[in-house]
Amino acid sequence: MVLSLSGIKKSYQTAEGNIPVLNGVDLSLEAGESLALTGESGSGKSTLLHLAGGLDLPDSGIITVGVGK
């Protein structure tokens, strides 16, 4: 496994309150697999990539990178 996300939750605090962005995301990618993220503006695509790349931390869940042969 090259990348695994399990139960990922992320929200942001604003003046209006807590805004949930990701709620229980599960994803697993093996070597050689590709993934395309699509969605509307503000749907969490960049947040998911920041978490997977280690640029941000999830509120909860487990991210594993580079495990395997």
N, C-alpha and C. Protein backbone atom coordinates (compact mmCIF):
# COMPACT_ATOMS: atom_id res chain seq x y z
N MET A 1 0.85 -1.17 0.00
CA MET A 1 0.00 0.00 0.00
C MET A 1 0.90 1.24 0.00
N VAL A 2 0.57 2.18 -0.85
CA VAL A 2 1.34 3.41 -0.93
C VAL A 2 0.71 4.51 -0.09
N LEU A 3 -0.62 4.59 -0.09
CA LEU A 3 -1.33 5.61 0.67
C LEU A 3 -2.63 5.05 1.20
N SER A 4 -2.88 5.26 2.48
CA SER A 4 -4.13 4.82 3.10
C SER A 4 -4.65 5.92 4.02
N LEU A 5 -5.91 6.26 3.85
CA LEU A 5 -6.59 7.18 4.75
C LEU A 5 -7.78 6.43 5.33
N SER A 6 -7.94 6.49 6.62
CA SER A 6 -9.00 5.74 7.28
C SER A 6 -9.74 6.62 8.28
N GLY A 7 -11.03 6.82 8.05
CA GLY A 7 -11.87 7.57 8.97
C GLY A 7 -11.47 9.03 9.12
N ILE A 8 -10.98 9.63 8.05
CA ILE A 8 -10.47 11.00 8.12
C ILE A 8 -11.60 12.01 8.28
N LYS A 9 -11.45 12.84 9.31
CA LYS A 9 -12.38 13.94 9.55
C LYS A 9 -11.58 15.23 9.66
N LYS A 10 -12.11 16.28 9.06
CA LYS A 10 -11.47 17.59 9.12
C LYS A 10 -12.54 18.67 9.05
N SER A 11 -12.40 19.66 9.92
CA SER A 11 -13.31 20.80 9.90
C SER A 11 -12.50 22.05 10.16
N TYR A 12 -13.09 23.19 9.83
CA TYR A 12 -12.44 24.48 10.04
C TYR A 12 -13.33 25.36 10.89
N GLN A 13 -12.71 26.10 11.79
CA GLN A 13 -13.43 27.03 12.66
C GLN A 13 -13.48 28.39 11.98
N THR A 14 -14.68 28.95 11.86
CA THR A 14 -14.86 30.28 11.30
C THR A 14 -15.65 31.12 12.30
N ALA A 15 -15.84 32.38 11.98
CA ALA A 15 -16.63 33.26 12.84
C ALA A 15 -18.08 32.77 12.94
N GLU A 16 -18.54 32.08 11.89
CA GLU A 16 -19.91 31.55 11.89
C GLU A 16 -20.03 30.22 12.61
N GLY A 17 -18.91 29.61 12.96
CA GLY A 17 -18.94 28.32 13.66
C GLY A 17 -18.04 27.30 12.99
N ASN A 18 -18.22 26.05 13.37
CA ASN A 18 -17.42 24.95 12.88
C ASN A 18 -17.96 24.48 11.53
N ILE A 19 -17.10 24.43 10.51
CA ILE A 19 -17.50 24.00 9.18
C ILE A 19 -16.86 22.64 8.88
N PRO A 20 -17.66 21.55 8.86
CA PRO A 20 -17.08 20.25 8.52
C PRO A 20 -16.77 20.18 7.02
N VAL A 21 -15.58 19.67 6.69
CA VAL A 21 -15.17 19.57 5.29
C VAL A 21 -15.08 18.11 4.86
N LEU A 22 -14.44 17.28 5.67
CA LEU A 22 -14.33 15.85 5.40
C LEU A 22 -14.91 15.10 6.60
N ASN A 23 -15.71 14.09 6.31
CA ASN A 23 -16.38 13.37 7.39
C ASN A 23 -16.29 11.86 7.17
N GLY A 24 -15.25 11.26 7.71
CA GLY A 24 -15.10 9.80 7.64
C GLY A 24 -14.61 9.30 6.29
N VAL A 25 -13.63 9.96 5.70
CA VAL A 25 -13.10 9.56 4.39
C VAL A 25 -12.20 8.34 4.54
N ASP A 26 -12.44 7.33 3.71
CA ASP A 26 -11.60 6.14 3.62
C ASP A 26 -11.07 6.05 2.19
N LEU A 27 -9.76 5.82 2.05
CA LEU A 27 -9.14 5.75 0.73
C LEU A 27 -7.90 4.90 0.83
N SER A 28 -7.68 4.07 -0.19
CA SER A 28 -6.47 3.26 -0.24
C SER A 28 -5.97 3.22 -1.67
N LEU A 29 -4.70 3.54 -1.86
CA LEU A 29 -4.07 3.50 -3.18
C LEU A 29 -2.87 2.58 -3.14
N GLU A 30 -2.78 1.71 -4.13
CA GLU A 30 -1.64 0.81 -4.28
C GLU A 30 -0.68 1.40 -5.31
N ALA A 31 0.54 0.90 -5.34
CA ALA A 31 1.53 1.35 -6.32
C ALA A 31 0.98 1.16 -7.73
N GLY A 32 1.12 2.18 -8.57
CA GLY A 32 0.66 2.11 -9.95
C GLY A 32 -0.77 2.57 -10.16
N GLU A 33 -1.54 2.73 -9.09
CA GLU A 33 -2.92 3.20 -9.23
C GLU A 33 -2.95 4.71 -9.36
N SER A 34 -3.99 5.21 -10.01
CA SER A 34 -4.20 6.64 -10.17
C SER A 34 -5.53 7.03 -9.55
N LEU A 35 -5.63 8.30 -9.20
CA LEU A 35 -6.85 8.82 -8.59
C LEU A 35 -7.11 10.22 -9.14
N ALA A 36 -8.35 10.49 -9.50
CA ALA A 36 -8.75 11.83 -9.92
C ALA A 36 -9.76 12.35 -8.91
N LEU A 37 -9.49 13.53 -8.36
CA LEU A 37 -10.42 14.17 -7.43
C LEU A 37 -11.18 15.25 -8.18
N THR A 38 -12.49 15.13 -8.18
CA THR A 38 -13.32 16.14 -8.83
C THR A 38 -14.38 16.60 -7.84
N GLY A 39 -14.89 17.78 -8.05
CA GLY A 39 -15.95 18.29 -7.19
C GLY A 39 -16.02 19.80 -7.26
N GLU A 40 -17.06 20.31 -6.69
CA GLU A 40 -17.27 21.75 -6.68
C GLU A 40 -16.25 22.45 -5.80
N SER A 41 -16.13 23.74 -6.00
CA SER A 41 -15.28 24.57 -5.16
C SER A 41 -15.73 24.43 -3.71
N GLY A 42 -14.77 24.22 -2.82
CA GLY A 42 -15.10 24.09 -1.40
C GLY A 42 -15.54 22.71 -0.97
N SER A 43 -15.39 21.71 -1.85
CA SER A 43 -15.85 20.36 -1.51
C SER A 43 -14.83 19.53 -0.75
N GLY A 44 -13.59 20.05 -0.58
CA GLY A 44 -12.60 19.34 0.22
C GLY A 44 -11.46 18.70 -0.54
N LYS A 45 -11.38 18.95 -1.85
CA LYS A 45 -10.31 18.34 -2.66
C LYS A 45 -8.93 18.76 -2.18
N SER A 46 -8.70 20.05 -2.06
CA SER A 46 -7.39 20.54 -1.61
C SER A 46 -7.10 20.13 -0.18
N THR A 47 -8.11 20.13 0.66
CA THR A 47 -7.94 19.70 2.05
C THR A 47 -7.47 18.25 2.09
N LEU A 48 -8.09 17.39 1.28
CA LEU A 48 -7.71 15.98 1.23
C LEU A 48 -6.26 15.82 0.77
N LEU A 49 -5.86 16.58 -0.24
CA LEU A 49 -4.48 16.50 -0.73
C LEU A 49 -3.48 17.03 0.30
N HIS A 50 -3.84 18.09 1.00
CA HIS A 50 -2.97 18.62 2.05
C HIS A 50 -2.78 17.59 3.16
N LEU A 51 -3.84 16.90 3.53
CA LEU A 51 -3.74 15.87 4.56
C LEU A 51 -2.89 14.71 4.08
N ALA A 52 -3.13 14.24 2.87
CA ALA A 52 -2.38 13.10 2.33
C ALA A 52 -0.90 13.43 2.18
N GLY A 53 -0.59 14.68 1.89
CA GLY A 53 0.80 15.11 1.72
C GLY A 53 1.48 15.53 3.00
N GLY A 54 0.78 15.46 4.12
CA GLY A 54 1.37 15.82 5.40
C GLY A 54 1.48 17.31 5.66
N LEU A 55 0.79 18.12 4.87
CA LEU A 55 0.82 19.57 5.05
C LEU A 55 -0.15 20.05 6.12
N ASP A 56 -1.08 19.19 6.51
CA ASP A 56 -2.07 19.51 7.53
C ASP A 56 -2.39 18.23 8.29
N LEU A 57 -2.97 18.36 9.46
CA LEU A 57 -3.34 17.20 10.27
C LEU A 57 -4.85 17.05 10.31
N PRO A 58 -5.34 15.81 10.28
CA PRO A 58 -6.79 15.60 10.39
C PRO A 58 -7.25 15.82 11.83
N ASP A 59 -8.54 16.12 11.99
CA ASP A 59 -9.12 16.19 13.33
C ASP A 59 -9.16 14.80 13.95
N SER A 60 -9.41 13.79 13.12
CA SER A 60 -9.36 12.40 13.56
C SER A 60 -9.14 11.51 12.35
N GLY A 61 -8.74 10.28 12.60
CA GLY A 61 -8.47 9.32 11.54
C GLY A 61 -6.99 9.00 11.45
N ILE A 62 -6.67 8.08 10.56
CA ILE A 62 -5.30 7.59 10.40
C ILE A 62 -4.86 7.73 8.95
N ILE A 63 -3.66 8.29 8.75
CA ILE A 63 -3.06 8.41 7.43
C ILE A 63 -1.76 7.63 7.44
N THR A 64 -1.62 6.70 6.49
CA THR A 64 -0.42 5.89 6.38
C THR A 64 0.15 6.08 4.97
N VAL A 65 1.44 6.38 4.90
CA VAL A 65 2.10 6.61 3.61
C VAL A 65 3.31 5.70 3.48
N GLY A 66 3.44 5.04 2.34
CA GLY A 66 4.65 4.31 2.01
C GLY A 66 4.86 3.00 2.74
N VAL A 67 3.81 2.26 3.02
CA VAL A 67 3.94 0.96 3.67
C VAL A 67 3.85 -0.12 2.61
N GLY A 68 4.71 -1.07 2.65
CA GLY A 68 4.63 -2.16 1.69
C GLY A 68 5.99 -2.64 1.25
N LYS A 69 5.99 -3.32 0.11
CA LYS A 69 7.22 -3.94 -0.41
C LYS A 69 8.17 -2.93 -0.95
